Amino acid sequence: MISILPLAVLILIVLSAMLAASETALFSMARLEHTREQMSVSVQRALDRLMRRPLESLIVIIGLNEACNIFADCLATIILLAWLGDKWGPIVAAPAMLAIVLLFCVGAFRVPRMIEPKVIRYLLTAPKATRVSP
């Protein structure tokens, strides 16, 4: 039973990351009309259906994401309780899962879109420009 739990935690973390990405993508696509025109008709219809009631769509996505995070945290606590014992298991599980969820499930998809595109362009091109110039 314990050997299946790490796989379940991994699946829940991946599912949480996919839900965070879908939230970001859904509300980014709603603003980009020229990109929507390049999509197939069925994808446009599905996006229009989701955007007819954006609050309900957002509530469902965030609710599922939070459920994945809570279940992953509970399962990770069970694993670490079995591995580290009653004293250190919960102490290690809570900060470890918080860091994993924030880094991989939330930050990976929300932070880059908040950064100014000029900053990203500078970070990507500045090292190359300094190597080329004398």
Foldseek 3Di string as FASTA:
>chain_A
DLVCLVVLLVVLLVVLQVLLQCVLVLVVVVPDPVVLVPDDPVVNVVSVVCVVDVVVNVCVSVVSSVVSLVVSLVSQLVNQCVVVNDPCSVVVSVVVSVVSCVPRRHCVRPVVVVDDVVVVVCVVCVVVVVVPDD
